[in-house]
PDB file of N, CA and C in Angstrom:
ATOM      1  N   MET A   1     -29.718   1.123  38.993  1.00  0.00           N
ATOM      2  CA  MET A   1     -28.515   0.498  39.211  1.00  0.00           C
ATOM      3  C   MET A   1     -27.823  -0.078  40.452  1.00  0.00           C
ATOM      4  N   ARG A   2     -27.728  -0.821  40.636  1.00  0.00           N
ATOM      5  CA  ARG A   2     -27.169  -1.390  42.264  1.00  0.00           C
ATOM      6  C   ARG A   2     -25.327  -1.792  41.409  1.00  0.00           C
ATOM      7  N   LEU A   3     -24.602  -1.651  43.250  1.00  0.00           N
ATOM      8  CA  LEU A   3     -23.554  -2.445  42.988  1.00  0.00           C
ATOM      9  C   LEU A   3     -22.612  -3.147  42.323  1.00  0.00           C
ATOM     10  N   CYS A   4     -23.889  -4.257  42.633  1.00  0.00           N
ATOM     11  CA  CYS A   4     -23.713  -5.552  42.164  1.00  0.00           C
ATOM     12  C   CYS A   4     -23.298  -5.679  40.619  1.00  0.00           C
ATOM     13  N   GLU A   5     -24.589  -4.767  40.100  1.00  0.00           N
ATOM     14  CA  GLU A   5     -24.629  -4.668  38.650  1.00  0.00           C
ATOM     15  C   GLU A   5     -23.907  -4.405  37.897  1.00  0.00           C
ATOM     16  N   LEU A   6     -22.727  -2.847  38.574  1.00  0.00           N
ATOM     17  CA  LEU A   6     -21.740  -2.352  38.170  1.00  0.00           C
ATOM     18  C   LEU A   6     -20.779  -3.261  38.157  1.00  0.00           C
ATOM     19  N   LYS A   7     -20.529  -3.952  39.013  1.00  0.00           N
ATOM     20  CA  LYS A   7     -19.521  -5.548  39.158  1.00  0.00           C
ATOM     21  C   LYS A   7     -19.629  -5.983  37.982  1.00  0.00           C
ATOM     22  N   GLU A   8     -20.633  -6.228  37.318  1.00  0.00           N
ATOM     23  CA  GLU A   8     -20.663  -7.302  35.772  1.00  0.00           C
ATOM     24  C   GLU A   8     -19.583  -7.134  35.081  1.00  0.00           C
ATOM     25  N   LYS A   9     -19.399  -5.440  35.023  1.00  0.00           N
ATOM     26  CA  LYS A   9     -19.132  -4.468  33.987  1.00  0.00           C
ATOM     27  C   LYS A   9     -17.326  -4.410  33.749  1.00  0.00           C
ATOM     28  N   ASP A  10     -17.356  -4.588  32.374  1.00  0.00           N
ATOM     29  CA  ASP A  10     -15.658  -4.517  32.304  1.00  0.00           C
ATOM     30  C   ASP A  10     -15.815  -2.457  31.996  1.00  0.00           C
ATOM     31  N   VAL A  11     -14.594  -2.054  32.216  1.00  0.00           N
ATOM     32  CA  VAL A  11     -14.441  -0.853  31.931  1.00  0.00           C
ATOM     33  C   VAL A  11     -13.223  -0.262  30.870  1.00  0.00           C
ATOM     34  N   ILE A  12     -13.842   0.450  30.256  1.00  0.00           N
ATOM     35  CA  ILE A  12     -12.985   0.562  28.885  1.00  0.00           C
ATOM     36  C   ILE A  12     -12.520   2.028  28.604  1.00  0.00           C
ATOM     37  N   ASN A  13     -11.633   2.317  28.193  1.00  0.00           N
ATOM     38  CA  ASN A  13     -11.061   3.875  28.178  1.00  0.00           C
ATOM     39  C   ASN A  13     -11.343   4.334  26.952  1.00  0.00           C
ATOM     40  N   THR A  14     -11.862   5.272  26.519  1.00  0.00           N
ATOM     41  CA  THR A  14     -12.298   5.269  25.147  1.00  0.00           C
ATOM     42  C   THR A  14     -10.909   6.100  24.326  1.00  0.00           C
ATOM     43  N   CYS A  15     -10.185   6.732  25.437  1.00  0.00           N
ATOM     44  CA  CYS A  15      -8.871   7.238  24.298  1.00  0.00           C
ATOM     45  C   CYS A  15      -8.013   5.902  23.956  1.00  0.00           C
ATOM     46  N   THR A  16      -7.499   4.913  24.544  1.00  0.00           N
ATOM     47  CA  THR A  16      -6.983   3.954  24.065  1.00  0.00           C
ATOM     48  C   THR A  16      -7.598   2.444  23.891  1.00  0.00           C
ATOM     49  N   CYS A  17      -9.021   2.753  23.985  1.00  0.00           N
ATOM     50  CA  CYS A  17      -9.250   1.448  23.499  1.00  0.00           C
ATOM     51  C   CYS A  17      -9.037   0.304  24.499  1.00  0.00           C
ATOM     52  N   LYS A  18      -9.027   0.503  25.311  1.00  0.00           N
ATOM     53  CA  LYS A  18      -8.093  -1.070  26.255  1.00  0.00           C
ATOM     54  C   LYS A  18      -9.140  -0.842  27.407  1.00  0.00           C
ATOM     55  N   LYS A  19      -9.505  -2.039  28.373  1.00  0.00           N
ATOM     56  CA  LYS A  19      -9.811  -2.443  29.361  1.00  0.00           C
ATOM     57  C   LYS A  19      -8.955  -1.963  30.000  1.00  0.00           C
ATOM     58  N   ILE A  20      -9.512  -0.897  31.022  1.00  0.00           N
ATOM     59  CA  ILE A  20      -9.384  -0.708  32.187  1.00  0.00           C
ATOM     60  C   ILE A  20      -9.147  -1.663  33.753  1.00  0.00           C
ATOM     61  N   GLY A  21      -9.778  -2.424  33.697  1.00  0.00           N
ATOM     62  CA  GLY A  21     -10.559  -3.096  34.815  1.00  0.00           C
ATOM     63  C   GLY A  21     -11.901  -3.185  34.841  1.00  0.00           C
ATOM     64  N   CYS A  22     -12.424  -3.433  36.402  1.00  0.00           N
ATOM     65  CA  CYS A  22     -13.319  -4.414  36.513  1.00  0.00           C
ATOM     66  C   CYS A  22     -14.003  -3.410  37.782  1.00  0.00           C
ATOM     67  N   VAL A  23     -15.038  -2.698  38.343  1.00  0.00           N
ATOM     68  CA  VAL A  23     -15.684  -1.735  39.352  1.00  0.00           C
ATOM     69  C   VAL A  23     -15.813  -3.072  40.276  1.00  0.00           C
ATOM     70  N   VAL A  24     -15.116  -1.916  41.378  1.00  0.00           N
ATOM     71  CA  VAL A  24     -14.558  -2.855  43.118  1.00  0.00           C
ATOM     72  C   VAL A  24     -15.503  -1.934  43.926  1.00  0.00           C
ATOM     73  N   ASP A  25     -15.619  -0.561  43.365  1.00  0.00           N
ATOM     74  CA  ASP A  25     -16.246   0.043  44.557  1.00  0.00           C
ATOM     75  C   ASP A  25     -16.475   1.560  44.178  1.00  0.00           C
ATOM     76  N   LEU A  26     -17.368   2.062  44.822  1.00  0.00           N
ATOM     77  CA  LEU A  26     -17.852   3.565  44.561  1.00  0.00           C
ATOM     78  C   LEU A  26     -17.496   4.527  45.367  1.00  0.00           C
ATOM     79  N   GLU A  27     -17.703   5.712  45.185  1.00  0.00           N
ATOM     80  CA  GLU A  27     -16.983   6.474  45.897  1.00  0.00           C
ATOM     81  C   GLU A  27     -18.328   7.591  46.395  1.00  0.00           C
ATOM     82  N   PHE A  28     -18.743   8.249  47.357  1.00  0.00           N
ATOM     83  CA  PHE A  28     -19.906   8.906  47.476  1.00  0.00           C
ATOM     84  C   PHE A  28     -19.390  10.197  48.061  1.00  0.00           C
ATOM     85  N   ASP A  29     -20.464  11.373  47.733  1.00  0.00           N
ATOM     86  CA  ASP A  29     -19.897  12.850  48.428  1.00  0.00           C
ATOM     87  C   ASP A  29     -21.130  12.074  49.490  1.00  0.00           C
ATOM     88  N   LYS A  30     -20.510  12.567  50.814  1.00  0.00           N
ATOM     89  CA  LYS A  30     -20.899  12.117  52.363  1.00  0.00           C
ATOM     90  C   LYS A  30     -22.246  13.510  52.322  1.00  0.00           C
ATOM     91  N   LYS A  31     -21.961  14.548  52.388  1.00  0.00           N
ATOM     92  CA  LYS A  31     -23.197  15.629  51.912  1.00  0.00           C
ATOM     93  C   LYS A  31     -24.482  15.613  50.975  1.00  0.00           C
ATOM     94  N   SER A  32     -24.048  15.320  49.836  1.00  0.00           N
ATOM     95  CA  SER A  32     -25.192  14.896  48.280  1.00  0.00           C
ATOM     96  C   SER A  32     -25.929  13.936  48.565  1.00  0.00           C
ATOM     97  N   CYS A  33     -24.672  13.101  49.234  1.00  0.00           N
ATOM     98  CA  CYS A  33     -25.294  11.453  48.843  1.00  0.00           C
ATOM     99  C   CYS A  33     -25.302  11.323  47.521  1.00  0.00           C
ATOM    100  N   HIS A  34     -24.427  12.044  46.479  1.00  0.00           N
ATOM    101  CA  HIS A  34     -24.066  11.479  44.753  1.00  0.00           C
ATOM    102  C   HIS A  34     -22.618  10.823  44.630  1.00  0.00           C
ATOM    103  N   VAL A  35     -22.867   9.665  43.914  1.00  0.00           N
ATOM    104  CA  VAL A  35     -21.743   8.829  43.382  1.00  0.00           C
ATOM    105  C   VAL A  35     -21.134  10.499  43.074  1.00  0.00           C
ATOM    106  N   THR A  36     -19.605  10.107  43.565  1.00  0.00           N
ATOM    107  CA  THR A  36     -18.387  11.237  42.607  1.00  0.00           C
ATOM    108  C   THR A  36     -17.021   9.863  42.035  1.00  0.00           C
ATOM    109  N   ALA A  37     -16.870   8.877  42.259  1.00  0.00           N
ATOM    110  CA  ALA A  37     -16.002   8.422  41.239  1.00  0.00           C
ATOM    111  C   ALA A  37     -16.214   6.758  41.781  1.00  0.00           C
ATOM    112  N   LEU A  38     -15.559   6.349  40.483  1.00  0.00           N
ATOM    113  CA  LEU A  38     -16.271   4.612  40.495  1.00  0.00           C
ATOM    114  C   LEU A  38     -14.160   4.436  40.987  1.00  0.00           C
ATOM    115  N   ILE A  39     -14.264   3.060  41.722  1.00  0.00           N
ATOM    116  CA  ILE A  39     -13.237   1.992  42.249  1.00  0.00           C
ATOM    117  C   ILE A  39     -13.443   0.954  41.349  1.00  0.00           C
ATOM    118  N   VAL A  40     -12.108   1.454  40.274  1.00  0.00           N
ATOM    119  CA  VAL A  40     -11.627   0.126  39.599  1.00  0.00           C
ATOM    120  C   VAL A  40     -10.198  -0.430  39.876  1.00  0.00           C
ATOM    121  N   SER A  41     -10.832  -1.966  40.095  1.00  0.00           N
ATOM    122  CA  SER A  41      -9.138  -3.075  39.745  1.00  0.00           C
ATOM    123  C   SER A  41      -9.073  -3.273  38.672  1.00  0.00           C
ATOM    124  N   GLN A  42      -7.399  -3.077  38.754  1.00  0.00           N
ATOM    125  CA  GLN A  42      -6.168  -3.385  37.485  1.00  0.00           C
ATOM    126  C   GLN A  42      -6.009  -4.146  37.810  1.00  0.00           C
ATOM    127  N   GLY A  43      -5.839  -4.918  38.266  1.00  0.00           N
ATOM    128  CA  GLY A  43      -4.893  -6.547  38.857  1.00  0.00           C
ATOM    129  C   GLY A  43      -6.295  -7.594  38.770  1.00  0.00           C
ATOM    130  N   ILE A  44      -5.114  -8.527  39.012  1.00  0.00           N
ATOM    131  CA  ILE A  44      -6.279 -10.090  38.283  1.00  0.00           C
ATOM    132  C   ILE A  44      -6.900 -10.399  40.140  1.00  0.00           C
ATOM    133  N   HIS A  45      -8.238 -10.788  39.540  1.00  0.00           N
ATOM    134  CA  HIS A  45      -9.121 -11.105  40.645  1.00  0.00           C
ATOM    135  C   HIS A  45      -9.392 -12.399  41.160  1.00  0.00           C
ATOM    136  N   PHE A  46      -9.270 -12.708  42.004  1.00  0.00           N
ATOM    137  CA  PHE A  46      -9.116 -14.746  42.129  1.00  0.00           C
ATOM    138  C   PHE A  46      -9.670 -13.983  43.702  1.00  0.00           C
ATOM    139  N   PHE A  47     -11.325 -13.826  44.004  1.00  0.00           N
ATOM    140  CA  PHE A  47     -12.167 -13.611  45.324  1.00  0.00           C
ATOM    141  C   PHE A  47     -11.696 -12.723  46.149  1.00  0.00           C
ATOM    142  N   ASN A  48     -11.500 -11.371  45.277  1.00  0.00           N
ATOM    143  CA  ASN A  48     -10.637 -10.085  45.914  1.00  0.00           C
ATOM    144  C   ASN A  48      -9.502 -10.472  46.602  1.00  0.00           C
ATOM    145  N   LEU A  49      -8.598 -11.717  46.205  1.00  0.00           N
ATOM    146  CA  LEU A  49      -7.494 -11.732  47.235  1.00  0.00           C
ATOM    147  C   LEU A  49      -6.222 -11.178  46.348  1.00  0.00           C
ATOM    148  N   PHE A  50      -6.027 -11.099  45.241  1.00  0.00           N
ATOM    149  CA  PHE A  50      -4.984 -10.904  44.909  1.00  0.00           C
ATOM    150  C   PHE A  50      -5.924  -9.507  43.638  1.00  0.00           C
ATOM    151  N   CYS A  51      -5.615  -8.537  44.406  1.00  0.00           N
ATOM    152  CA  CYS A  51      -5.420  -6.664  43.436  1.00  0.00           C
ATOM    153  C   CYS A  51      -4.295  -6.111  43.648  1.00  0.00           C
ATOM    154  N   ASN A  52      -3.733  -6.204  42.500  1.00  0.00           N
ATOM    155  CA  ASN A  52      -2.731  -5.061  42.353  1.00  0.00           C
ATOM    156  C   ASN A  52      -3.183  -3.677  42.368  1.00  0.00           C
ATOM    157  N   ASP A  53      -3.853  -3.000  41.613  1.00  0.00           N
ATOM    158  CA  ASP A  53      -4.053  -1.680  42.064  1.00  0.00           C
ATOM    159  C   ASP A  53      -5.266  -1.152  41.744  1.00  0.00           C
ATOM    160  N   GLU A  54      -5.781  -0.305  42.637  1.00  0.00           N
ATOM    161  CA  GLU A  54      -6.816   0.293  42.044  1.00  0.00           C
ATOM    162  C   GLU A  54      -7.045   1.763  41.719  1.00  0.00           C
ATOM    163  N   LEU A  55      -7.821   2.049  40.555  1.00  0.00           N
ATOM    164  CA  LEU A  55      -7.538   3.528  40.212  1.00  0.00           C
ATOM    165  C   LEU A  55      -8.923   3.603  40.262  1.00  0.00           C
ATOM    166  N   VAL A  56      -9.143   5.290  40.971  1.00  0.00           N
ATOM    167  CA  VAL A  56     -10.305   6.125  40.815  1.00  0.00           C
ATOM    168  C   VAL A  56     -11.019   6.876  39.953  1.00  0.00           C
ATOM    169  N   ILE A  57     -11.846   6.826  39.446  1.00  0.00           N
ATOM    170  CA  ILE A  57     -12.139   7.132  38.359  1.00  0.00           C
ATOM    171  C   ILE A  57     -13.342   8.235  38.398  1.00  0.00           C
ATOM    172  N   PRO A  58     -13.079   9.601  38.310  1.00  0.00           N
ATOM    173  CA  PRO A  58     -14.275  11.206  38.632  1.00  0.00           C
ATOM    174  C   PRO A  58     -15.485  10.831  37.916  1.00  0.00           C
ATOM    175  N   TRP A  59     -16.809  10.515  38.275  1.00  0.00           N
ATOM    176  CA  TRP A  59     -17.779  10.373  37.886  1.00  0.00           C
ATOM    177  C   TRP A  59     -17.745  11.616  36.616  1.00  0.00           C
ATOM    178  N   ARG A  60     -16.905  12.480  36.152  1.00  0.00           N
ATOM    179  CA  ARG A  60     -17.516  13.435  35.437  1.00  0.00           C
ATOM    180  C   ARG A  60     -17.060  12.791  34.124  1.00  0.00           C
ATOM    181  N   CYS A  61     -15.922  11.904  33.948  1.00  0.00           N
ATOM    182  CA  CYS A  61     -14.775  10.850  33.011  1.00  0.00           C
ATOM    183  C   CYS A  61     -15.885   9.832  32.397  1.00  0.00           C
ATOM    184  N   ILE A  62     -17.088   9.306  33.101  1.00  0.00           N
ATOM    185  CA  ILE A  62     -18.119   8.312  32.528  1.00  0.00           C
ATOM    186  C   ILE A  62     -18.761   8.733  31.381  1.00  0.00           C
ATOM    187  N   LYS A  63     -18.568   8.229  30.705  1.00  0.00           N
ATOM    188  CA  LYS A  63     -19.374   8.805  29.372  1.00  0.00           C
ATOM    189  C   LYS A  63     -20.751   8.023  29.123  1.00  0.00           C
ATOM    190  N   GLN A  64     -20.472   6.862  29.361  1.00  0.00           N
ATOM    191  CA  GLN A  64     -21.660   6.029  28.854  1.00  0.00           C
ATOM    192  C   GLN A  64     -21.280   4.505  29.899  1.00  0.00           C
ATOM    193  N   ILE A  65     -22.803   4.239  30.672  1.00  0.00           N
ATOM    194  CA  ILE A  65     -22.945   2.948  31.100  1.00  0.00           C
ATOM    195  C   ILE A  65     -23.438   2.148  30.285  1.00  0.00           C
ATOM    196  N   GLY A  66     -22.971   1.346  29.519  1.00  0.00           N
ATOM    197  CA  GLY A  66     -24.191   0.198  29.070  1.00  0.00           C
ATOM    198  C   GLY A  66     -24.548  -1.391  29.426  1.00  0.00           C
ATOM    199  N   PRO A  67     -25.047  -2.061  28.417  1.00  0.00           N
ATOM    200  CA  PRO A  67     -25.331  -3.586  29.115  1.00  0.00           C
ATOM    201  C   PRO A  67     -24.046  -4.051  29.754  1.00  0.00           C
ATOM    202  N   ASP A  68     -22.739  -3.914  29.211  1.00  0.00           N
ATOM    203  CA  ASP A  68     -21.888  -5.240  29.255  1.00  0.00           C
ATOM    204  C   ASP A  68     -20.694  -4.454  29.723  1.00  0.00           C
ATOM    205  N   VAL A  69     -20.491  -2.646  29.543  1.00  0.00           N
ATOM    206  CA  VAL A  69     -19.158  -1.797  29.708  1.00  0.00           C
ATOM    207  C   VAL A  69     -19.712  -0.871  30.244  1.00  0.00           C
ATOM    208  N   ILE A  70     -18.646  -0.241  30.775  1.00  0.00           N
ATOM    209  CA  ILE A  70     -18.889   0.498  31.081  1.00  0.00           C
ATOM    210  C   ILE A  70     -17.528   1.874  30.415  1.00  0.00           C
ATOM    211  N   LEU A  71     -17.957   2.795  29.473  1.00  0.00           N
ATOM    212  CA  LEU A  71     -17.250   3.694  28.883  1.00  0.00           C
ATOM    213  C   LEU A  71     -16.644   4.802  29.556  1.00  0.00           C
ATOM    214  N   VAL A  72     -15.079   5.029  29.344  1.00  0.00           N
ATOM    215  CA  VAL A  72     -14.953   6.399  30.374  1.00  0.00           C
ATOM    216  C   VAL A  72     -13.955   6.903  29.853  1.00  0.00           C
ATOM    217  N   ASP A  73     -13.332   8.100  29.524  1.00  0.00           N
ATOM    218  CA  ASP A  73     -12.501   9.049  28.977  1.00  0.00           C
ATOM    219  C   ASP A  73     -11.407   9.543  29.693  1.00  0.00           C
ATOM    220  N   LEU A  74     -10.522   8.865  29.601  1.00  0.00           N
ATOM    221  CA  LEU A  74      -8.794   8.959  30.514  1.00  0.00           C
ATOM    222  C   LEU A  74      -7.709   9.540  29.905  1.00  0.00           C
ATOM    223  N   PRO A  75      -7.816  10.763  29.084  1.00  0.00           N
ATOM    224  CA  PRO A  75      -6.940  11.055  28.187  1.00  0.00           C
ATOM    225  C   PRO A  75      -5.038  10.291  28.574  1.00  0.00           C
ATOM    226  N   GLY A  76      -4.751  10.446  29.562  1.00  0.00           N
ATOM    227  CA  GLY A  76      -3.751  10.246  30.615  1.00  0.00           C
ATOM    228  C   GLY A  76      -3.562   8.825  30.661  1.00  0.00           C
ATOM    229  N   GLN A  77      -4.286   7.844  30.525  1.00  0.00           N
ATOM    230  CA  GLN A  77      -4.242   7.008  30.997  1.00  0.00           C
ATOM    231  C   GLN A  77      -3.704   5.510  29.664  1.00  0.00           C
ATOM    232  N   SER A  78      -2.873   5.096  30.277  1.00  0.00           N
ATOM    233  CA  SER A  78      -2.582   4.024  29.372  1.00  0.00           C
ATOM    234  C   SER A  78      -3.207   2.651  29.194  1.00  0.00           C
TER     235      SER A  78
END
């Protein structure tokens, strides 16, 4: 899967059943070249000019990547 495909998906917290935001970037481990986290924008997007907050979601918290959404398990996130 490509980053451009991930950016089209909404990120949903399964603990609160609320939308967190949209994927804006990925974090990689330099040694293993594995993805370690998704970086999600919680703000309003307008050509990436207005971005309030970014949330780093560790890969271990991702439960499922579906055709339209990414489900994550973040108990402490409201």
